Amino acid sequence: MTKRSLVWCAGLLLAGGLLVGCNDQSVVAPAATTAVARGAVAAVVPSPLQTVDFGDRSLTLWPYTWDGVDPDLKVDPIHLLFPGRGDPRQIRAALLLLGGDRTAFGLPDTPPFDCVWEDALGGANQTAYAQDAWAGSAIQVTCGGFDMRFHLRLFPAGDWSLGAAHFEVNIPGTTEHESLSWELAKTLVLLDLYRAGATPYPPGYGPETGVLSDAPTYRSIRAEVYSQLDDATKQLLGVVNSPDIPNTGKAAIVPLAGTPEAEPLLARRELTVNMNQTVPTFCPEDIPYVHVQGPITFRQQVVVTPSGNYMSRVKAQGTLEVATFTGETYKAVIHDQERNVVTDHNTLVTLFQMQAVVPAGTYAGKLTIGIRVGPGGSTGYVGEYRCDQ
């Protein structure tokens, strides 16, 4: 197998949970016949909280994102803080106006460094906690194709906005992405906001916080992925001697100026990913891994109204063939749906993910993950599964 810079092939990779739709973080159901987790997002207060002061502004936050399922699971580090002027809609608008030529700043005119920002397709909603409240990632943007890209989630937090960015690659034969770098993605976002005139500070010259999240590393690249990275890529990512992902733990403080208003828009996209991979399964429970095969189709619609309201909807659907290593076969139905709304006064994020094992022989089961984060106490989450044998 030939290793190529920033391009890899995982072969028969034992990746993420069975068909966890468009999550970046795998979910593997615990070993029990029935499990249910329900609650109000507002009732969950993560710890430890950190406080950031900038001028006359103060921000108290939990410096990680959360997927709304496991209250003990921190996902990505928050490492971009935007005080005052601007909200996620304007940050999005500034990035989407840019072209992909960064050669004036020393980057090559080749993937992934010639990428262009667009609304994210295939990145599940997450939440962040700041100013005593949860907020959802109603606005997500990516730079690069589905196979290799930079991914930025944005969260409103009173008179601040928060950002969590990472560089990731798609695991072949799945809809899942593996995070490779926090710092490379943070640097690209800062560079592009500087290119857009949204901040006066190029990367490395603006204000930043002290250490907020885990440092000097946070999370690790899975062994099956790490082994396929060539030496030049490992050098670029700072993972030459270890798969642990470097993380300074510090967040860049990015005061915005001159951010554009989002232009009215109606856009639709569609993408089909052909699943062909061996993955962990939640049902049947006595068979830990199965092979899944078949298409999952993503459909996205983004609307920006003349008044600046942002609305997006993403659906992912598919029926897959599942084969156990004992020779049994059955089908699994996948249905994911995300809806997001951002206005001048409110942000609403909803996520619903369902994986159902079509009754066949002795197996029938369903895994459901849902989250809703919005104003007026309309917040909650659910994570449940059932496997009948």
Protein backbone atom coordinates (compact mmCIF):
# COMPACT_ATOMS: atom_id res chain seq x y z
CA MET A 1 0.00 0.00 0.00
CA THR A 2 1.47 3.37 -1.01
CA LYS A 3 1.34 6.19 1.49
CA ARG A 4 0.60 9.61 0.03
CA SER A 5 0.76 13.02 1.64
CA LEU A 6 -2.61 13.85 3.22
CA VAL A 7 -4.25 10.97 1.33
CA TRP A 8 -4.68 7.52 2.85
CA CYS A 9 -6.55 4.25 2.50
CA ALA A 10 -7.65 2.42 5.62
CA GLY A 11 -8.51 -0.95 4.10
CA LEU A 12 -10.85 -2.92 6.35
CA LEU A 13 -10.86 -0.33 9.13
CA LEU A 14 -12.74 -1.06 12.33
CA ALA A 15 -14.33 2.38 12.44
CA GLY A 16 -16.97 4.13 14.57
CA GLY A 17 -20.35 2.87 15.73
CA LEU A 18 -22.73 1.20 13.32
CA LEU A 19 -23.77 3.88 10.85
CA VAL A 20 -23.62 6.87 13.13
CA GLY A 21 -24.78 9.03 10.25
CA CYS A 22 -22.73 12.17 9.88
CA ASN A 23 -21.11 12.31 13.31
CA ASP A 24 -17.43 13.15 13.58
CA GLN A 25 -17.37 11.33 16.91
CA SER A 26 -18.23 7.64 17.03
CA VAL A 27 -21.05 6.36 19.22
CA VAL A 28 -20.97 2.74 20.32
CA ALA A 29 -23.97 1.56 22.30
CA PRO A 30 -23.26 -0.11 25.67
CA ALA A 31 -23.81 -3.84 26.11
CA ALA A 32 -27.35 -4.05 27.44
CA THR A 33 -30.66 -5.07 25.94
CA THR A 34 -32.34 -1.71 26.46
CA ALA A 35 -30.84 1.63 27.44
CA VAL A 36 -32.44 5.06 27.60
CA ALA A 37 -30.98 8.47 28.43
CA ARG A 38 -33.29 11.46 28.43
CA GLY A 39 -33.03 14.88 29.97
CA ALA A 40 -33.04 18.62 29.65
CA VAL A 41 -29.88 20.07 28.17
CA ALA A 42 -30.32 23.11 30.38
CA ALA A 43 -30.10 20.91 33.48
CA VAL A 44 -26.63 19.63 32.54
CA VAL A 45 -23.86 21.95 33.75
CA PRO A 46 -20.41 20.76 32.62
CA SER A 47 -17.19 21.36 34.50
CA PRO A 48 -14.72 22.79 34.90
CA LEU A 49 -15.82 26.20 33.62
CA GLN A 50 -13.26 28.80 32.56
CA THR A 51 -13.46 32.60 32.54
CA VAL A 52 -11.95 34.82 29.84
CA ASP A 53 -11.65 38.61 30.17
CA PHE A 54 -11.12 40.86 27.17
CA GLY A 55 -11.37 44.62 27.66
CA ASP A 56 -14.64 45.29 29.41
CA ARG A 57 -16.09 41.94 28.33
CA SER A 58 -16.10 38.68 30.25
CA LEU A 59 -16.93 35.17 29.08
CA THR A 60 -17.49 32.07 31.18
CA LEU A 61 -17.43 28.84 29.17
CA TRP A 62 -16.78 25.12 29.14
CA PRO A 63 -13.92 24.87 26.61
CA TYR A 64 -15.25 21.85 24.71
CA THR A 65 -18.16 20.85 22.50
CA TRP A 66 -20.66 18.15 23.46
CA ASP A 67 -22.70 15.79 21.29
CA GLY A 68 -25.69 15.78 23.64
CA VAL A 69 -25.57 12.04 24.30
CA ASP A 70 -23.02 11.24 27.00
CA PRO A 71 -22.80 13.97 29.68
CA ASP A 72 -19.23 12.89 30.45
CA LEU A 73 -18.05 13.07 26.84
CA LYS A 74 -16.19 16.19 25.73
CA VAL A 75 -15.73 16.22 21.98
CA ASP A 76 -13.75 19.07 20.34
CA PRO A 77 -11.86 21.93 22.01
CA ILE A 78 -13.23 25.47 21.75
CA HIS A 79 -10.28 27.54 20.51
CA LEU A 80 -11.80 30.54 18.70
CA LEU A 81 -13.57 33.31 20.65
CA PHE A 82 -15.25 36.25 18.91
CA PRO A 83 -16.17 39.13 21.24
CA GLY A 84 -18.63 41.89 20.42
CA ARG A 85 -19.41 42.70 16.82
CA GLY A 86 -20.49 39.86 14.59
CA ASP A 87 -22.34 36.61 15.08
CA PRO A 88 -21.97 33.18 13.40
CA ARG A 89 -23.90 34.37 10.35
CA GLN A 90 -21.38 37.14 9.66
CA ILE A 91 -18.38 34.89 10.28
CA ARG A 92 -19.86 32.45 7.79
CA ALA A 93 -20.48 35.23 5.27
CA ALA A 94 -16.88 36.47 5.53
CA LEU A 95 -15.44 33.02 4.89
CA LEU A 96 -17.81 32.13 2.03
CA LEU A 97 -16.78 35.24 0.08
CA LEU A 98 -13.17 34.06 -0.23
CA GLY A 99 -11.46 32.23 -3.06
CA GLY A 100 -9.01 29.40 -2.52
CA ASP A 101 -5.74 31.08 -3.56
CA ARG A 102 -3.53 31.38 -0.44
CA THR A 103 -0.18 31.36 -2.24
CA ALA A 104 0.51 34.96 -1.14
CA PHE A 105 0.69 33.58 2.39
CA GLY A 106 3.05 30.75 1.56
CA LEU A 107 0.52 27.93 1.15
CA PRO A 108 0.68 25.70 -1.93
CA ASP A 109 -1.97 25.85 -4.62
CA THR A 110 -2.89 22.21 -3.99
CA PRO A 111 -5.45 20.38 -1.81
CA PRO A 112 -6.29 20.87 0.96
CA PHE A 113 -4.79 24.37 1.01
CA ASP A 114 -6.62 25.66 -2.09
CA CYS A 115 -10.04 24.90 -0.64
CA VAL A 116 -13.10 27.17 -0.69
CA TRP A 117 -15.51 27.52 2.23
CA GLU A 118 -19.11 26.33 1.96
CA ASP A 119 -21.95 25.27 4.24
CA ALA A 120 -21.08 21.95 5.86
CA LEU A 121 -22.64 18.75 4.58
CA GLY A 122 -22.02 15.70 6.75
CA GLY A 123 -21.15 17.06 10.20
CA ALA A 124 -23.60 16.43 13.03
CA ASN A 125 -24.79 19.23 15.28
CA GLN A 126 -22.97 19.67 18.56
CA THR A 127 -23.49 21.97 21.54
CA ALA A 128 -21.35 24.35 23.57
CA TYR A 129 -21.86 25.82 27.04
CA ALA A 130 -21.16 29.50 27.79
CA GLN A 131 -22.70 32.35 29.78
CA ASP A 132 -24.78 29.85 31.81
CA ALA A 133 -26.56 28.41 28.76
CA TRP A 134 -26.21 25.78 26.05
CA ALA A 135 -26.03 26.76 22.38
CA GLY A 136 -26.11 24.62 19.25
CA SER A 137 -23.88 24.67 16.17
CA ALA A 138 -26.61 26.00 13.88
CA ILE A 139 -23.94 27.26 11.49
CA GLN A 140 -21.17 24.96 10.29
CA VAL A 141 -18.82 25.54 7.35
CA THR A 142 -16.21 23.34 5.71
CA CYS A 143 -13.29 24.00 3.40
CA GLY A 144 -12.43 21.10 1.11
CA GLY A 145 -14.15 18.00 -0.24
CA PHE A 146 -15.90 15.31 1.77
CA ASP A 147 -12.75 13.14 1.75
CA MET A 148 -10.42 15.75 3.32
CA ARG A 149 -11.40 19.11 4.74
CA PHE A 150 -11.31 21.80 7.41
CA HIS A 151 -14.47 21.92 9.51
CA LEU A 152 -15.63 24.86 11.65
CA ARG A 153 -18.61 24.82 14.03
CA LEU A 154 -19.89 28.17 15.34
CA PHE A 155 -21.95 28.80 18.48
CA PRO A 156 -23.68 31.99 19.76
CA ALA A 157 -22.97 32.99 23.38
CA GLY A 158 -24.59 36.29 24.28
CA ASP A 159 -22.37 39.06 22.95
CA TRP A 160 -19.69 36.51 22.04
CA SER A 161 -19.46 33.74 19.44
CA LEU A 162 -17.46 30.53 19.91
CA GLY A 163 -15.66 28.43 17.32
CA ALA A 164 -14.36 24.85 17.24
CA ALA A 165 -12.35 23.87 14.16
CA HIS A 166 -10.50 20.74 13.10
CA PHE A 167 -8.84 19.23 10.06
CA GLU A 168 -10.30 15.83 9.19
CA VAL A 169 -10.32 12.99 6.68
CA ASN A 170 -13.15 10.68 5.68
CA ILE A 171 -12.75 7.04 6.65
CA PRO A 172 -13.18 5.16 3.35
CA GLY A 173 -16.41 3.24 3.05
CA THR A 174 -18.12 5.20 5.82
CA THR A 175 -19.77 8.58 6.44
CA GLU A 176 -17.46 9.19 9.38
CA HIS A 177 -14.54 11.62 9.61
CA GLU A 178 -11.41 11.32 11.73
CA SER A 179 -9.97 14.49 13.30
CA LEU A 180 -6.25 14.93 12.59
CA SER A 181 -5.44 18.44 13.84
CA TRP A 182 -6.90 21.26 15.92
CA GLU A 183 -4.07 23.77 15.45
CA LEU A 184 -3.86 23.54 11.64
CA ALA A 185 -7.58 24.25 11.36
CA LYS A 186 -7.45 27.13 13.83
CA THR A 187 -4.59 28.70 11.86
CA LEU A 188 -6.47 28.42 8.55
CA VAL A 189 -9.61 30.04 10.00
CA LEU A 190 -7.54 32.92 11.41
CA LEU A 191 -5.71 33.34 8.11
CA ASP A 192 -8.93 33.46 6.11
CA LEU A 193 -10.63 35.92 8.44
CA TYR A 194 -7.54 38.10 8.00
CA ARG A 195 -7.74 37.67 4.22
CA ALA A 196 -11.41 38.69 4.36
CA GLY A 197 -10.60 41.87 6.29
CA ALA A 198 -12.71 40.65 9.21
CA THR A 199 -9.81 40.92 11.68
CA PRO A 200 -6.61 43.02 11.69
CA TYR A 201 -4.57 40.15 13.11
CA PRO A 202 -2.86 37.48 11.00
CA PRO A 203 -2.40 34.08 12.66
CA GLY A 204 -0.09 34.22 15.66
CA TYR A 205 -0.32 37.99 16.17
CA GLY A 206 -3.68 38.46 17.83
CA PRO A 207 -4.66 38.17 21.48
CA GLU A 208 -5.23 34.76 23.01
CA THR A 209 -6.32 33.22 26.28
CA GLY A 210 -4.36 31.19 28.75
CA VAL A 211 -4.69 27.40 28.68
CA LEU A 212 -8.40 26.47 28.69
CA SER A 213 -8.58 22.91 27.31
CA ASP A 214 -6.33 19.87 27.64
CA ALA A 215 -2.72 20.52 26.63
CA PRO A 216 -0.18 19.83 25.17
CA THR A 217 -2.33 17.22 23.40
CA TYR A 218 -6.00 16.35 23.24
CA ARG A 219 -7.37 13.08 21.81
CA SER A 220 -5.46 10.75 19.51
CA ILE A 221 -5.62 9.70 15.88
CA ARG A 222 -6.83 6.11 15.71
CA ALA A 223 -4.06 3.60 15.03
CA GLU A 224 -5.61 2.40 11.75
CA VAL A 225 -5.61 5.97 10.43
CA TYR A 226 -2.27 7.03 11.91
CA SER A 227 -0.47 4.10 10.30
CA GLN A 228 -1.51 5.32 6.84
CA LEU A 229 -0.08 8.84 7.20
CA ASP A 230 3.27 9.41 5.51
CA ASP A 231 6.18 11.12 7.25
CA ALA A 232 5.60 14.51 5.61
CA THR A 233 1.97 14.56 6.74
CA LYS A 234 2.91 13.54 10.27
CA GLN A 235 5.44 16.37 10.31
CA LEU A 236 2.81 18.86 9.16
CA LEU A 237 0.35 17.70 11.80
CA GLY A 238 2.96 17.52 14.57
CA VAL A 239 2.39 13.81 15.19
CA VAL A 240 5.75 12.37 14.11
CA ASN A 241 6.40 10.45 17.32
CA SER A 242 2.86 9.86 18.58
CA PRO A 243 -0.76 9.79 17.36
CA ASP A 244 -1.70 12.25 20.14
CA ILE A 245 -3.10 15.41 18.53
CA PRO A 246 -1.24 18.59 19.57
CA ASN A 247 -3.35 21.20 21.35
CA THR A 248 -2.02 24.36 22.97
CA GLY A 249 -5.21 24.57 25.00
CA LYS A 250 -5.35 28.29 24.23
CA ALA A 251 -8.13 30.03 22.34
CA ALA A 252 -7.51 32.87 19.90
CA ILE A 253 -9.53 35.99 20.72
CA VAL A 254 -10.70 37.44 17.41
CA PRO A 255 -12.24 40.91 17.59
CA LEU A 256 -14.20 41.32 14.36
CA ALA A 257 -14.47 44.40 12.21
CA GLY A 258 -16.00 44.88 8.80
CA THR A 259 -17.79 41.55 8.66
CA PRO A 260 -20.31 41.39 5.81
CA GLU A 261 -23.98 40.64 6.13
CA ALA A 262 -25.04 37.33 4.62
CA GLU A 263 -26.47 37.67 1.13
CA PRO A 264 -29.94 36.22 0.36
CA LEU A 265 -29.58 32.63 -0.77
CA LEU A 266 -31.41 29.45 -1.66
CA ALA A 267 -29.00 26.56 -2.23
CA ARG A 268 -29.41 22.80 -2.46
CA ARG A 269 -26.76 20.07 -2.48
CA GLU A 270 -26.81 16.30 -2.65
CA LEU A 271 -24.09 13.76 -1.90
CA THR A 272 -24.13 9.95 -1.91
CA VAL A 273 -21.61 8.01 0.15
CA ASN A 274 -21.23 4.30 -0.57
CA MET A 275 -20.82 2.41 2.68
CA ASN A 276 -18.54 -0.65 2.47
CA GLN A 277 -16.87 -1.23 5.81
CA THR A 278 -16.61 -3.39 8.91
CA VAL A 279 -17.94 -1.53 11.96
CA PRO A 280 -19.00 -2.17 15.56
CA THR A 281 -22.70 -2.88 16.00
CA PHE A 282 -25.27 -2.41 18.74
CA CYS A 283 -27.48 -5.28 17.50
CA PRO A 284 -27.01 -8.25 17.66
CA GLU A 285 -25.20 -7.77 20.95
CA ASP A 286 -23.30 -11.05 20.87
CA ILE A 287 -21.67 -10.17 17.53
CA PRO A 288 -19.45 -7.10 18.06
CA TYR A 289 -18.67 -6.35 14.39
CA VAL A 290 -20.60 -6.56 11.14
CA HIS A 291 -19.94 -5.60 7.53
CA VAL A 292 -22.25 -2.96 6.04
CA GLN A 293 -22.69 -2.10 2.39
CA GLY A 294 -24.91 0.29 0.42
CA PRO A 295 -25.51 3.99 -0.32
CA ILE A 296 -26.39 6.78 2.12
CA THR A 297 -27.62 9.97 0.44
CA PHE A 298 -27.27 13.41 2.04
CA ARG A 299 -29.61 16.21 0.94
CA GLN A 300 -29.07 19.78 2.12
CA GLN A 301 -31.04 23.01 1.74
CA VAL A 302 -29.79 26.39 2.98
CA VAL A 303 -31.90 29.55 2.96
CA VAL A 304 -30.79 33.07 3.86
CA THR A 305 -33.69 35.52 3.79
CA PRO A 306 -33.43 39.19 2.76
CA SER A 307 -33.68 40.12 6.45
CA GLY A 308 -30.68 37.91 7.25
CA ASN A 309 -32.41 34.94 8.85
CA TYR A 310 -30.51 31.68 8.29
CA MET A 311 -32.23 28.32 7.92
CA SER A 312 -30.73 24.98 6.97
CA ARG A 313 -31.91 21.40 6.74
CA VAL A 314 -29.90 18.24 6.13
CA LYS A 315 -31.30 14.74 5.65
CA ALA A 316 -29.33 11.50 5.34
CA GLN A 317 -31.13 8.33 4.34
CA GLY A 318 -30.23 4.84 3.20
CA THR A 319 -30.98 1.13 3.42
CA LEU A 320 -27.89 -0.99 3.94
CA GLU A 321 -27.05 -4.67 3.64
CA VAL A 322 -25.58 -6.02 6.87
CA ALA A 323 -23.60 -9.26 7.13
CA THR A 324 -22.34 -10.93 10.29
CA PHE A 325 -19.23 -13.08 10.39
CA THR A 326 -21.45 -16.04 11.17
CA GLY A 327 -23.00 -15.79 7.71
CA GLU A 328 -26.33 -14.15 8.62
CA THR A 329 -27.57 -11.16 6.62
CA TYR A 330 -30.21 -8.53 7.28
CA LYS A 331 -30.93 -4.87 6.50
CA ALA A 332 -30.47 -1.61 8.40
CA VAL A 333 -32.39 1.58 7.71
CA ILE A 334 -30.68 4.93 8.36
CA HIS A 335 -32.54 8.21 8.80
CA ASP A 336 -30.81 11.39 10.06
CA GLN A 337 -32.28 14.88 10.05
CA GLU A 338 -30.92 18.25 11.19
CA ARG A 339 -32.73 21.57 11.22
CA ASN A 340 -31.20 24.91 12.16
CA VAL A 341 -32.55 28.45 12.45
CA VAL A 342 -30.62 31.62 13.30
CA THR A 343 -32.27 35.04 13.61
CA ASP A 344 -31.27 38.29 15.29
CA HIS A 345 -32.87 37.12 18.51
CA ASN A 346 -32.90 33.31 18.60
CA THR A 347 -30.99 30.21 17.56
CA LEU A 348 -32.64 26.79 17.27
CA VAL A 349 -30.81 23.53 16.59
CA THR A 350 -32.39 20.09 16.27
CA LEU A 351 -30.80 16.74 15.50
CA PHE A 352 -32.47 13.37 15.05
CA GLN A 353 -30.58 10.18 14.19
CA MET A 354 -32.20 6.78 13.83
CA GLN A 355 -30.71 3.41 12.91
CA ALA A 356 -33.15 0.52 12.69
CA VAL A 357 -32.39 -3.13 12.14
CA VAL A 358 -35.12 -4.47 9.86
CA PRO A 359 -36.61 -7.58 11.51
CA ALA A 360 -34.98 -10.63 9.99
CA GLY A 361 -34.55 -13.97 11.65
CA THR A 362 -33.87 -13.36 15.33
CA TYR A 363 -32.77 -9.72 15.20
CA ALA A 364 -34.70 -6.46 15.46
CA GLY A 365 -33.44 -3.26 17.01
CA LYS A 366 -33.36 0.53 16.91
CA LEU A 367 -30.89 3.20 18.02
CA THR A 368 -32.17 6.78 18.39
CA ILE A 369 -30.22 9.93 19.20
CA GLY A 370 -31.93 13.31 19.42
CA ILE A 371 -31.09 16.78 20.64
CA ARG A 372 -32.88 20.11 20.62
CA VAL A 373 -31.33 23.37 21.78
CA GLY A 374 -33.37 26.53 21.57
CA PRO A 375 -34.78 29.52 23.39
CA GLY A 376 -37.38 29.55 26.13
CA GLY A 377 -36.43 26.23 27.71
CA SER A 378 -37.08 24.24 24.53
CA THR A 379 -34.02 22.11 25.14
CA GLY A 380 -33.60 18.39 25.60
CA TYR A 381 -31.81 15.27 24.50
CA VAL A 382 -32.50 11.58 24.14
CA GLY A 383 -30.28 8.61 23.49
CA GLU A 384 -31.87 5.16 23.47
CA TYR A 385 -31.54 1.79 21.83
CA ARG A 386 -33.23 -1.58 21.92
CA CYS A 387 -32.11 -4.92 20.59
CA ASP A 388 -34.54 -7.86 20.59
CA GLN A 389 -33.11 -11.33 20.08
